[in-house]
Amino acid sequence: MTERKNNLQKELEKMLPTLDGGVLLHCCCAPCSTSCLEYLKPRIKELSLYFYNPNIDSEEEYFRRAAELERLNDVGGYAFPLTVAPYIPKEFYDAVKGLEREREGGARCDACFRLRLAAAVKQAEKEGKKYVLTTLSVSPHKNAELLYEIGKSVSAGSGVTFLPSDFKKNNGFVRSTQICRELDIYRQNYCGCSFAKGS
């Protein structure tokens, strides 16, 4: 388990030249997407972006983050197709019901990841993409191995492959903060949900 954790990004590097279909990138926010997009643009021919994060605690914050992702896609010179899912917070609250008192980074977060990554797999199927990645792994607060295991679980039997990644490697997180400064990207100070905001 530990060995794989240290090599998820290397596994992705080896796989990218051999991919035979489009990739959907689940984007949690613009800041986390910055260095991921910079890394992926020269390596993936067919990439689309998907913003689905019903964990975000208000409609205003949801669409502010979505708009900032749209702006990054524009000012960063990417122009990737971007789908912003409708804001339906009930999906998040249903997914984490009974886990409200869990500590930050515990079972509630796992359920939230599962919800969002499963939605990304469904969107990839809808778009005819064969692979899914998520920007979540760029955060130093997120366990890339756990995200990969959840991604594999929710994509099993779907015809979509969840790719390994650990975008924080090779200074991915540091680079994300640099790009945010360069492009004046809005950086929120909590993951999005009301539970994290209060912790």
N, C-alpha and C. Protein backbone atom coordinates (compact mmCIF):
# COMPACT_ATOMS: atom_id res chain seq x y z
N MET A 1 0.83 -1.21 0.00
CA MET A 1 0.00 0.00 0.00
C MET A 1 0.87 1.26 0.00
N THR A 2 1.89 1.28 0.87
CA THR A 2 2.76 2.46 0.96
C THR A 2 3.53 2.69 -0.33
N GLU A 3 4.00 1.59 -0.93
CA GLU A 3 4.77 1.72 -2.17
C GLU A 3 3.92 2.35 -3.26
N ARG A 4 2.66 1.89 -3.39
CA ARG A 4 1.79 2.45 -4.42
C ARG A 4 1.55 3.93 -4.17
N LYS A 5 1.32 4.30 -2.91
CA LYS A 5 1.07 5.70 -2.57
C LYS A 5 2.19 6.58 -3.08
N ASN A 6 3.41 6.13 -2.93
CA ASN A 6 4.54 6.92 -3.35
C ASN A 6 4.72 6.96 -4.86
N ASN A 7 4.02 6.09 -5.59
CA ASN A 7 4.24 5.99 -7.02
C ASN A 7 3.01 6.26 -7.88
N LEU A 8 1.93 6.76 -7.29
CA LEU A 8 0.72 7.00 -8.08
C LEU A 8 0.97 7.95 -9.25
N GLN A 9 1.72 9.00 -9.02
CA GLN A 9 1.97 9.96 -10.09
C GLN A 9 2.86 9.35 -11.16
N LYS A 10 3.80 8.51 -10.74
CA LYS A 10 4.65 7.82 -11.72
C LYS A 10 3.82 6.84 -12.55
N GLU A 11 2.86 6.18 -11.90
CA GLU A 11 1.97 5.27 -12.63
C GLU A 11 1.20 6.04 -13.69
N LEU A 12 0.70 7.23 -13.32
CA LEU A 12 -0.03 8.06 -14.28
C LEU A 12 0.88 8.46 -15.44
N GLU A 13 2.10 8.86 -15.12
CA GLU A 13 3.04 9.28 -16.17
C GLU A 13 3.27 8.18 -17.19
N LYS A 14 3.37 6.96 -16.70
CA LYS A 14 3.58 5.82 -17.61
C LYS A 14 2.35 5.55 -18.46
N MET A 15 1.17 5.76 -17.90
CA MET A 15 -0.07 5.43 -18.60
C MET A 15 -0.48 6.47 -19.64
N LEU A 16 -0.19 7.74 -19.37
CA LEU A 16 -0.70 8.81 -20.24
C LEU A 16 -0.40 8.64 -21.73
N PRO A 17 0.83 8.25 -22.11
CA PRO A 17 1.11 8.12 -23.55
C PRO A 17 0.33 6.98 -24.22
N THR A 18 -0.21 6.06 -23.42
CA THR A 18 -0.87 4.89 -24.00
C THR A 18 -2.40 5.00 -23.97
N LEU A 19 -2.95 6.08 -23.41
CA LEU A 19 -4.41 6.20 -23.31
C LEU A 19 -5.04 6.27 -24.69
N ASP A 20 -6.12 5.52 -24.86
CA ASP A 20 -6.75 5.44 -26.18
C ASP A 20 -8.17 6.03 -26.17
N GLY A 21 -8.40 7.00 -25.31
CA GLY A 21 -9.71 7.63 -25.25
C GLY A 21 -9.63 8.91 -24.43
N GLY A 22 -10.71 9.67 -24.44
CA GLY A 22 -10.74 10.94 -23.75
C GLY A 22 -10.74 10.80 -22.24
N VAL A 23 -10.35 11.88 -21.58
CA VAL A 23 -10.26 11.92 -20.13
C VAL A 23 -11.17 13.03 -19.58
N LEU A 24 -11.92 12.70 -18.54
CA LEU A 24 -12.71 13.70 -17.82
C LEU A 24 -11.99 14.00 -16.52
N LEU A 25 -11.80 15.28 -16.24
CA LEU A 25 -11.14 15.71 -15.01
C LEU A 25 -12.18 16.32 -14.09
N HIS A 26 -12.42 15.64 -12.95
CA HIS A 26 -13.29 16.22 -11.93
C HIS A 26 -12.53 17.34 -11.24
N CYS A 27 -13.09 18.54 -11.27
CA CYS A 27 -12.44 19.71 -10.69
C CYS A 27 -13.17 20.14 -9.42
N CYS A 28 -12.47 20.14 -8.30
CA CYS A 28 -13.11 20.55 -7.05
C CYS A 28 -13.14 22.06 -6.92
N CYS A 29 -12.18 22.75 -7.53
CA CYS A 29 -12.13 24.21 -7.48
C CYS A 29 -11.04 24.69 -8.42
N ALA A 30 -10.99 26.00 -8.67
CA ALA A 30 -9.95 26.55 -9.54
C ALA A 30 -8.55 26.41 -8.96
N PRO A 31 -8.33 26.72 -7.65
CA PRO A 31 -6.97 26.60 -7.13
C PRO A 31 -6.37 25.20 -7.31
N CYS A 32 -7.15 24.18 -6.99
CA CYS A 32 -6.64 22.81 -7.15
C CYS A 32 -6.47 22.42 -8.62
N SER A 33 -7.20 23.09 -9.50
CA SER A 33 -7.13 22.76 -10.93
C SER A 33 -5.92 23.38 -11.62
N THR A 34 -5.36 24.43 -11.04
CA THR A 34 -4.30 25.19 -11.71
C THR A 34 -3.14 24.32 -12.20
N SER A 35 -2.41 23.73 -11.27
CA SER A 35 -1.22 22.96 -11.67
C SER A 35 -1.61 21.66 -12.36
N CYS A 36 -2.80 21.14 -12.06
CA CYS A 36 -3.27 19.91 -12.75
C CYS A 36 -3.46 20.19 -14.24
N LEU A 37 -4.11 21.31 -14.55
CA LEU A 37 -4.34 21.65 -15.96
C LEU A 37 -3.02 21.94 -16.67
N GLU A 38 -2.12 22.63 -15.98
CA GLU A 38 -0.82 22.92 -16.56
C GLU A 38 -0.08 21.63 -16.90
N TYR A 39 -0.18 20.66 -16.01
CA TYR A 39 0.48 19.37 -16.22
C TYR A 39 -0.19 18.56 -17.34
N LEU A 40 -1.52 18.55 -17.36
CA LEU A 40 -2.24 17.68 -18.28
C LEU A 40 -2.33 18.21 -19.71
N LYS A 41 -2.35 19.51 -19.88
CA LYS A 41 -2.57 20.08 -21.22
C LYS A 41 -1.64 19.50 -22.29
N PRO A 42 -0.33 19.43 -22.07
CA PRO A 42 0.54 18.89 -23.12
C PRO A 42 0.53 17.36 -23.20
N ARG A 43 -0.16 16.71 -22.30
CA ARG A 43 -0.09 15.25 -22.21
C ARG A 43 -1.38 14.54 -22.62
N ILE A 44 -2.49 15.25 -22.66
CA ILE A 44 -3.77 14.62 -23.00
C ILE A 44 -4.42 15.38 -24.15
N LYS A 45 -4.74 14.68 -25.21
CA LYS A 45 -5.32 15.33 -26.39
C LYS A 45 -6.77 15.70 -26.18
N GLU A 46 -7.53 14.84 -25.53
CA GLU A 46 -8.96 15.06 -25.37
C GLU A 46 -9.30 15.09 -23.88
N LEU A 47 -9.47 16.31 -23.35
CA LEU A 47 -9.73 16.48 -21.93
C LEU A 47 -10.96 17.37 -21.75
N SER A 48 -11.84 16.98 -20.85
CA SER A 48 -12.98 17.83 -20.49
C SER A 48 -13.01 17.99 -18.98
N LEU A 49 -13.60 19.09 -18.52
CA LEU A 49 -13.64 19.42 -17.10
C LEU A 49 -15.07 19.28 -16.58
N TYR A 50 -15.18 18.83 -15.33
CA TYR A 50 -16.49 18.62 -14.72
C TYR A 50 -16.48 19.18 -13.31
N PHE A 51 -17.36 20.15 -13.07
CA PHE A 51 -17.48 20.76 -11.74
C PHE A 51 -18.75 20.23 -11.09
N TYR A 52 -18.56 19.29 -10.17
CA TYR A 52 -19.68 18.71 -9.42
C TYR A 52 -19.26 18.63 -7.96
N ASN A 53 -19.77 19.53 -7.13
CA ASN A 53 -19.35 19.61 -5.74
C ASN A 53 -20.51 20.06 -4.86
N PRO A 54 -21.52 19.19 -4.70
CA PRO A 54 -22.71 19.57 -3.92
C PRO A 54 -22.43 19.72 -2.43
N ASN A 55 -21.20 19.42 -2.02
CA ASN A 55 -20.79 19.62 -0.63
C ASN A 55 -20.62 21.09 -0.29
N ILE A 56 -20.48 21.94 -1.28
CA ILE A 56 -20.28 23.37 -1.02
C ILE A 56 -21.50 23.94 -0.32
N ASP A 57 -21.24 24.74 0.70
CA ASP A 57 -22.30 25.08 1.67
C ASP A 57 -23.31 26.14 1.26
N SER A 58 -23.12 26.81 0.14
CA SER A 58 -24.12 27.79 -0.29
C SER A 58 -24.09 27.91 -1.81
N GLU A 59 -25.22 28.29 -2.34
CA GLU A 59 -25.31 28.48 -3.79
C GLU A 59 -24.36 29.58 -4.26
N GLU A 60 -24.25 30.63 -3.47
CA GLU A 60 -23.36 31.73 -3.82
C GLU A 60 -21.91 31.25 -3.94
N GLU A 61 -21.46 30.47 -2.94
CA GLU A 61 -20.09 29.95 -2.96
C GLU A 61 -19.89 28.95 -4.10
N TYR A 62 -20.91 28.13 -4.34
CA TYR A 62 -20.83 27.13 -5.42
C TYR A 62 -20.56 27.81 -6.76
N PHE A 63 -21.36 28.80 -7.07
CA PHE A 63 -21.23 29.44 -8.38
C PHE A 63 -20.04 30.40 -8.44
N ARG A 64 -19.59 30.88 -7.29
CA ARG A 64 -18.36 31.67 -7.28
C ARG A 64 -17.18 30.78 -7.65
N ARG A 65 -17.14 29.58 -7.07
CA ARG A 65 -16.04 28.65 -7.40
C ARG A 65 -16.14 28.15 -8.84
N ALA A 66 -17.36 27.92 -9.30
CA ALA A 66 -17.54 27.49 -10.70
C ALA A 66 -17.08 28.59 -11.66
N ALA A 67 -17.44 29.83 -11.36
CA ALA A 67 -17.05 30.95 -12.21
C ALA A 67 -15.54 31.14 -12.22
N GLU A 68 -14.90 30.90 -11.07
CA GLU A 68 -13.44 31.04 -11.00
C GLU A 68 -12.76 29.94 -11.81
N LEU A 69 -13.35 28.75 -11.83
CA LEU A 69 -12.82 27.68 -12.68
C LEU A 69 -12.97 28.05 -14.15
N GLU A 70 -14.11 28.63 -14.51
CA GLU A 70 -14.32 29.09 -15.89
C GLU A 70 -13.29 30.14 -16.26
N ARG A 71 -13.02 31.05 -15.33
CA ARG A 71 -12.03 32.11 -15.60
C ARG A 71 -10.64 31.53 -15.77
N LEU A 72 -10.27 30.56 -14.92
CA LEU A 72 -8.97 29.90 -15.06
C LEU A 72 -8.86 29.23 -16.42
N ASN A 73 -9.91 28.55 -16.83
CA ASN A 73 -9.93 27.86 -18.12
C ASN A 73 -9.69 28.85 -19.26
N ASP A 74 -10.18 30.08 -19.08
CA ASP A 74 -10.04 31.12 -20.10
C ASP A 74 -8.68 31.81 -20.02
N VAL A 75 -8.37 32.42 -18.87
CA VAL A 75 -7.13 33.20 -18.77
C VAL A 75 -5.89 32.32 -18.79
N GLY A 76 -6.06 31.06 -18.41
CA GLY A 76 -4.94 30.13 -18.48
C GLY A 76 -4.68 29.62 -19.88
N GLY A 77 -5.58 29.96 -20.81
CA GLY A 77 -5.41 29.56 -22.21
C GLY A 77 -5.73 28.10 -22.48
N TYR A 78 -6.57 27.49 -21.65
CA TYR A 78 -6.88 26.07 -21.81
C TYR A 78 -8.05 25.83 -22.75
N ALA A 79 -9.15 26.50 -22.50
CA ALA A 79 -10.36 26.37 -23.33
C ALA A 79 -10.86 24.93 -23.45
N PHE A 80 -10.74 24.17 -22.36
CA PHE A 80 -11.28 22.81 -22.35
C PHE A 80 -12.80 22.88 -22.19
N PRO A 81 -13.52 21.93 -22.77
CA PRO A 81 -14.97 21.88 -22.52
C PRO A 81 -15.21 21.72 -21.03
N LEU A 82 -16.13 22.51 -20.49
CA LEU A 82 -16.41 22.51 -19.05
C LEU A 82 -17.90 22.36 -18.80
N THR A 83 -18.25 21.40 -17.97
CA THR A 83 -19.63 21.21 -17.53
C THR A 83 -19.72 21.56 -16.06
N VAL A 84 -20.63 22.49 -15.74
CA VAL A 84 -20.92 22.83 -14.34
C VAL A 84 -22.24 22.18 -13.99
N ALA A 85 -22.20 21.23 -13.07
CA ALA A 85 -23.42 20.51 -12.68
C ALA A 85 -24.35 21.43 -11.90
N PRO A 86 -25.64 21.15 -11.92
CA PRO A 86 -26.58 21.93 -11.10
C PRO A 86 -26.21 21.81 -9.62
N TYR A 87 -26.54 22.83 -8.87
CA TYR A 87 -26.25 22.84 -7.44
C TYR A 87 -27.38 22.16 -6.68
N ILE A 88 -27.10 20.95 -6.18
CA ILE A 88 -28.12 20.17 -5.46
C ILE A 88 -27.50 19.69 -4.15
N PRO A 89 -27.45 20.55 -3.12
CA PRO A 89 -26.80 20.19 -1.86
C PRO A 89 -27.43 18.99 -1.16
N LYS A 90 -28.69 18.70 -1.45
CA LYS A 90 -29.35 17.56 -0.83
C LYS A 90 -28.59 16.26 -1.13
N GLU A 91 -27.98 16.18 -2.30
CA GLU A 91 -27.23 14.97 -2.66
C GLU A 91 -26.08 14.75 -1.68
N PHE A 92 -25.44 15.83 -1.29
CA PHE A 92 -24.35 15.72 -0.31
C PHE A 92 -24.89 15.34 1.06
N TYR A 93 -25.91 16.04 1.52
CA TYR A 93 -26.44 15.77 2.87
C TYR A 93 -27.02 14.36 2.98
N ASP A 94 -27.60 13.86 1.89
CA ASP A 94 -28.09 12.47 1.89
C ASP A 94 -26.91 11.50 1.98
N ALA A 95 -25.84 11.80 1.26
CA ALA A 95 -24.67 10.91 1.22
C ALA A 95 -23.95 10.82 2.57
N VAL A 96 -23.99 11.91 3.35
CA VAL A 96 -23.25 11.93 4.62
C VAL A 96 -24.17 11.81 5.83
N LYS A 97 -25.43 11.46 5.60
CA LYS A 97 -26.37 11.34 6.71
C LYS A 97 -25.85 10.33 7.73
N GLY A 98 -25.86 10.73 9.00
CA GLY A 98 -25.35 9.89 10.07
C GLY A 98 -23.87 10.09 10.34
N LEU A 99 -23.21 10.84 9.47
CA LEU A 99 -21.76 11.07 9.61
C LEU A 99 -21.44 12.52 9.96
N GLU A 100 -22.46 13.26 10.32
CA GLU A 100 -22.30 14.69 10.56
C GLU A 100 -21.27 15.00 11.65
N ARG A 101 -21.14 14.14 12.64
CA ARG A 101 -20.23 14.40 13.76
C ARG A 101 -18.83 13.81 13.55
N GLU A 102 -18.62 13.20 12.42
CA GLU A 102 -17.29 12.64 12.12
C GLU A 102 -16.25 13.76 12.05
N ARG A 103 -15.04 13.41 12.39
CA ARG A 103 -13.96 14.40 12.33
C ARG A 103 -13.66 14.74 10.87
N GLU A 104 -13.11 15.93 10.66
CA GLU A 104 -12.70 16.35 9.33
C GLU A 104 -11.62 15.39 8.83
N GLY A 105 -11.78 14.90 7.62
CA GLY A 105 -10.84 13.94 7.05
C GLY A 105 -11.21 12.50 7.33
N GLY A 106 -12.34 12.26 7.99
CA GLY A 106 -12.76 10.91 8.33
C GLY A 106 -13.82 10.35 7.39
N ALA A 107 -14.73 9.56 7.94
CA ALA A 107 -15.71 8.83 7.14
C ALA A 107 -16.64 9.75 6.35
N ARG A 108 -16.95 10.91 6.91
CA ARG A 108 -17.82 11.84 6.18
C ARG A 108 -17.15 12.29 4.88
N CYS A 109 -15.87 12.60 4.95
CA CYS A 109 -15.12 13.02 3.75
C CYS A 109 -15.05 11.87 2.74
N ASP A 110 -14.86 10.64 3.24
CA ASP A 110 -14.82 9.48 2.34
C ASP A 110 -16.13 9.37 1.57
N ALA A 111 -17.26 9.56 2.26
CA ALA A 111 -18.57 9.48 1.61
C ALA A 111 -18.73 10.60 0.59
N CYS A 112 -18.21 11.76 0.92
CA CYS A 112 -18.27 12.90 0.00
C CYS A 112 -17.44 12.63 -1.26
N PHE A 113 -16.24 12.09 -1.08
CA PHE A 113 -15.40 11.74 -2.23
C PHE A 113 -16.13 10.72 -3.11
N ARG A 114 -16.72 9.72 -2.48
CA ARG A 114 -17.42 8.66 -3.22
C ARG A 114 -18.55 9.26 -4.06
N LEU A 115 -19.32 10.16 -3.47
CA LEU A 115 -20.41 10.81 -4.18
C LEU A 115 -19.91 11.56 -5.41
N ARG A 116 -18.90 12.37 -5.22
CA ARG A 116 -18.40 13.21 -6.31
C ARG A 116 -17.70 12.42 -7.40
N LEU A 117 -16.93 11.42 -7.00
CA LEU A 117 -16.22 10.63 -8.00
C LEU A 117 -17.17 9.72 -8.78
N ALA A 118 -18.22 9.22 -8.11
CA ALA A 118 -19.23 8.42 -8.82
C ALA A 118 -19.95 9.28 -9.86
N ALA A 119 -20.23 10.53 -9.49
CA ALA A 119 -20.87 11.43 -10.45
C ALA A 119 -19.95 11.72 -11.63
N ALA A 120 -18.66 11.83 -11.36
CA ALA A 120 -17.70 12.07 -12.44
C ALA A 120 -17.64 10.89 -13.40
N VAL A 121 -17.71 9.68 -12.86
CA VAL A 121 -17.72 8.49 -13.71
C VAL A 121 -18.96 8.50 -14.60
N LYS A 122 -20.12 8.83 -14.03
CA LYS A 122 -21.36 8.89 -14.83
C LYS A 122 -21.27 9.96 -15.91
N GLN A 123 -20.66 11.10 -15.57
CA GLN A 123 -20.50 12.15 -16.57
C GLN A 123 -19.55 11.72 -17.68
N ALA A 124 -18.51 10.99 -17.32
CA ALA A 124 -17.58 10.47 -18.32
C ALA A 124 -18.30 9.53 -19.28
N GLU A 125 -19.15 8.67 -18.74
CA GLU A 125 -19.94 7.76 -19.58
C GLU A 125 -20.83 8.57 -20.52
N LYS A 126 -21.45 9.59 -20.00
CA LYS A 126 -22.35 10.45 -20.79
C LYS A 126 -21.60 11.12 -21.93
N GLU A 127 -20.36 11.54 -21.66
CA GLU A 127 -19.56 12.24 -22.66
C GLU A 127 -18.80 11.28 -23.58
N GLY A 128 -18.84 9.99 -23.26
CA GLY A 128 -18.08 9.03 -24.06
C GLY A 128 -16.60 9.03 -23.75
N LYS A 129 -16.24 9.50 -22.56
CA LYS A 129 -14.85 9.49 -22.14
C LYS A 129 -14.54 8.13 -21.51
N LYS A 130 -13.29 7.70 -21.66
CA LYS A 130 -12.90 6.39 -21.14
C LYS A 130 -12.17 6.44 -19.81
N TYR A 131 -11.75 7.65 -19.41
CA TYR A 131 -10.94 7.77 -18.20
C TYR A 131 -11.40 8.94 -17.35
N VAL A 132 -11.15 8.83 -16.04
CA VAL A 132 -11.48 9.89 -15.09
C VAL A 132 -10.28 10.16 -14.19
N LEU A 133 -10.06 11.43 -13.92
CA LEU A 133 -9.07 11.90 -12.94
C LEU A 133 -9.76 12.92 -12.04
N THR A 134 -9.16 13.23 -10.91
CA THR A 134 -9.68 14.29 -10.05
C THR A 134 -8.56 15.19 -9.58
N THR A 135 -8.88 16.47 -9.44
CA THR A 135 -7.90 17.44 -8.93
C THR A 135 -7.73 17.33 -7.42
N LEU A 136 -8.59 16.58 -6.77
CA LEU A 136 -8.55 16.49 -5.30
C LEU A 136 -7.18 16.07 -4.77
N SER A 137 -6.46 15.26 -5.54
CA SER A 137 -5.19 14.73 -5.02
C SER A 137 -4.08 15.77 -4.94
N VAL A 138 -4.30 16.98 -5.47
CA VAL A 138 -3.25 18.00 -5.38
C VAL A 138 -3.16 18.58 -3.97
N SER A 139 -4.22 18.45 -3.20
CA SER A 139 -4.24 19.02 -1.85
C SER A 139 -3.38 18.21 -0.89
N PRO A 140 -2.57 18.89 -0.08
CA PRO A 140 -1.78 18.16 0.93
C PRO A 140 -2.66 17.57 2.02
N HIS A 141 -3.93 17.95 2.05
CA HIS A 141 -4.87 17.44 3.06
C HIS A 141 -5.64 16.21 2.57
N LYS A 142 -5.39 15.80 1.32
CA LYS A 142 -6.14 14.68 0.75
C LYS A 142 -5.20 13.50 0.50
N ASN A 143 -5.68 12.30 0.85
CA ASN A 143 -4.92 11.06 0.68
C ASN A 143 -5.14 10.53 -0.73
N ALA A 144 -4.12 10.63 -1.57
CA ALA A 144 -4.25 10.24 -2.97
C ALA A 144 -4.56 8.75 -3.11
N GLU A 145 -3.98 7.93 -2.25
CA GLU A 145 -4.24 6.49 -2.31
C GLU A 145 -5.72 6.20 -2.02
N LEU A 146 -6.28 6.87 -1.03
CA LEU A 146 -7.69 6.69 -0.70
C LEU A 146 -8.56 7.13 -1.87
N LEU A 147 -8.26 8.27 -2.46
CA LEU A 147 -9.03 8.75 -3.61
C LEU A 147 -8.98 7.75 -4.76
N TYR A 148 -7.81 7.15 -4.98
CA TYR A 148 -7.66 6.17 -6.05
C TYR A 148 -8.49 4.92 -5.76
N GLU A 149 -8.45 4.46 -4.53
CA GLU A 149 -9.23 3.27 -4.17
C GLU A 149 -10.73 3.53 -4.33
N ILE A 150 -11.19 4.70 -3.89
CA ILE A 150 -12.60 5.05 -4.05
C ILE A 150 -12.95 5.18 -5.53
N GLY A 151 -12.09 5.83 -6.29
CA GLY A 151 -12.32 5.99 -7.73
C GLY A 151 -12.42 4.66 -8.44
N LYS A 152 -11.54 3.73 -8.10
CA LYS A 152 -11.61 2.39 -8.71
C LYS A 152 -12.91 1.69 -8.33
N SER A 153 -13.31 1.87 -7.09
CA SER A 153 -14.54 1.21 -6.61
C SER A 153 -15.77 1.72 -7.35
N VAL A 154 -15.91 3.05 -7.48
CA VAL A 154 -17.11 3.60 -8.11
C VAL A 154 -17.11 3.44 -9.63
N SER A 155 -15.96 3.17 -10.21
CA SER A 155 -15.91 2.99 -11.66
C SER A 155 -15.95 1.52 -12.08
N ALA A 156 -15.88 0.62 -11.12
CA ALA A 156 -15.88 -0.82 -11.42
C ALA A 156 -17.12 -1.21 -12.22
N GLY A 157 -16.91 -1.88 -13.33
CA GLY A 157 -18.00 -2.36 -14.15
C GLY A 157 -18.64 -1.30 -15.04
N SER A 158 -18.09 -0.10 -15.05
CA SER A 158 -18.71 0.99 -15.81
C SER A 158 -18.18 1.13 -17.23
N GLY A 159 -17.01 0.57 -17.49
CA GLY A 159 -16.38 0.80 -18.79
C GLY A 159 -15.49 2.05 -18.77
N VAL A 160 -15.47 2.73 -17.62
CA VAL A 160 -14.62 3.91 -17.42
C VAL A 160 -13.52 3.53 -16.44
N THR A 161 -12.30 3.93 -16.72
CA THR A 161 -11.16 3.64 -15.84
C THR A 161 -10.80 4.87 -15.03
N PHE A 162 -10.73 4.71 -13.72
CA PHE A 162 -10.28 5.80 -12.86
C PHE A 162 -8.76 5.72 -12.80
N LEU A 163 -8.10 6.78 -13.21
CA LEU A 163 -6.65 6.77 -13.31
C LEU A 163 -5.98 7.12 -11.98
N PRO A 164 -4.81 6.51 -11.71
CA PRO A 164 -4.05 6.86 -10.50
C PRO A 164 -3.46 8.25 -10.67
N SER A 165 -3.36 8.98 -9.59
CA SER A 165 -2.67 10.27 -9.63
C SER A 165 -2.38 10.73 -8.21
N ASP A 166 -1.37 11.55 -8.11
CA ASP A 166 -1.07 12.25 -6.87
C ASP A 166 -0.47 13.57 -7.30
N PHE A 167 -1.35 14.50 -7.68
CA PHE A 167 -0.92 15.75 -8.29
C PHE A 167 -0.12 16.65 -7.36
N LYS A 168 -0.09 16.34 -6.06
CA LYS A 168 0.73 17.14 -5.15
C LYS A 168 2.22 16.83 -5.32
N LYS A 169 2.52 15.67 -5.91
CA LYS A 169 3.92 15.29 -6.12
C LYS A 169 4.61 16.27 -7.08
N ASN A 170 5.91 16.26 -7.06
CA ASN A 170 6.72 17.11 -7.94
C ASN A 170 6.33 18.59 -7.78
N ASN A 171 6.07 18.98 -6.53
CA ASN A 171 5.73 20.36 -6.20
C ASN A 171 4.43 20.83 -6.83
N GLY A 172 3.51 19.89 -7.07
CA GLY A 172 2.22 20.25 -7.67
C GLY A 172 1.44 21.24 -6.84
N PHE A 173 1.42 21.04 -5.52
CA PHE A 173 0.67 21.96 -4.66
C PHE A 173 1.36 23.32 -4.62
N VAL A 174 2.68 23.31 -4.49
CA VAL A 174 3.43 24.57 -4.47
C VAL A 174 3.19 25.35 -5.76
N ARG A 175 3.22 24.64 -6.89
CA ARG A 175 2.99 25.29 -8.18
C ARG A 175 1.56 25.85 -8.24
N SER A 176 0.60 25.15 -7.65
CA SER A 176 -0.77 25.64 -7.67
C SER A 176 -0.89 26.98 -6.96
N THR A 177 -0.17 27.13 -5.84
CA THR A 177 -0.22 28.40 -5.11
C THR A 177 0.45 29.52 -5.91
N GLN A 178 1.51 29.17 -6.64
CA GLN A 178 2.18 30.17 -7.48
C GLN A 178 1.26 30.66 -8.59
N ILE A 179 0.58 29.72 -9.26
CA ILE A 179 -0.32 30.10 -10.35
C ILE A 179 -1.48 30.94 -9.81
N CYS A 180 -1.99 30.58 -8.64
CA CYS A 180 -3.08 31.37 -8.04
C CYS A 180 -2.64 32.82 -7.83
N ARG A 181 -1.41 33.02 -7.39
CA ARG A 181 -0.91 34.38 -7.22
C ARG A 181 -0.75 35.09 -8.56
N GLU A 182 -0.19 34.37 -9.53
CA GLU A 182 0.06 34.96 -10.85
C GLU A 182 -1.24 35.39 -11.53
N LEU A 183 -2.28 34.57 -11.40
CA LEU A 183 -3.54 34.84 -12.10
C LEU A 183 -4.61 35.44 -11.18
N ASP A 184 -4.24 35.72 -9.94
CA ASP A 184 -5.17 36.28 -8.96
C ASP A 184 -6.42 35.41 -8.83
N ILE A 185 -6.18 34.11 -8.63
CA ILE A 185 -7.27 33.15 -8.48
C ILE A 185 -7.82 33.18 -7.06
N TYR A 186 -9.13 33.20 -6.95
CA TYR A 186 -9.78 33.16 -5.64
C TYR A 186 -9.47 31.84 -4.96
N ARG A 187 -8.91 31.91 -3.76
CA ARG A 187 -8.59 30.71 -2.97
C ARG A 187 -9.43 30.70 -1.71
N GLN A 188 -10.36 29.78 -1.66
CA GLN A 188 -11.21 29.64 -0.48
C GLN A 188 -10.39 29.07 0.68
N ASN A 189 -10.83 29.31 1.91
CA ASN A 189 -10.06 28.84 3.07
C ASN A 189 -10.70 27.64 3.75
N TYR A 190 -11.61 26.95 3.07
CA TYR A 190 -12.19 25.71 3.58
C TYR A 190 -12.64 24.88 2.40
N CYS A 191 -12.78 23.57 2.59
CA CYS A 191 -13.03 22.67 1.46
C CYS A 191 -14.35 22.98 0.77
N GLY A 192 -15.32 23.44 1.56
CA GLY A 192 -16.60 23.76 0.94
C GLY A 192 -17.79 23.46 1.80
N CYS A 193 -17.74 22.38 2.58
CA CYS A 193 -18.93 21.99 3.33
C CYS A 193 -19.04 22.77 4.64
N SER A 194 -20.24 22.84 5.14
CA SER A 194 -20.49 23.59 6.38
C SER A 194 -19.77 22.97 7.58
N PHE A 195 -19.55 21.65 7.53
CA PHE A 195 -18.84 20.97 8.62
C PHE A 195 -17.39 21.42 8.68
N ALA A 196 -16.75 21.52 7.52
CA ALA A 196 -15.35 21.96 7.47
C ALA A 196 -15.23 23.43 7.85
N LYS A 197 -16.20 24.22 7.43
CA LYS A 197 -16.18 25.64 7.71
C LYS A 197 -16.21 25.90 9.21
N GLY A 198 -16.92 25.06 9.92
CA GLY A 198 -17.04 25.25 11.36
C GLY A 198 -15.93 24.63 12.18
N SER A 199 -15.05 23.86 11.51
CA SER A 199 -14.01 23.15 12.28
C SER A 199 -12.73 23.97 12.41
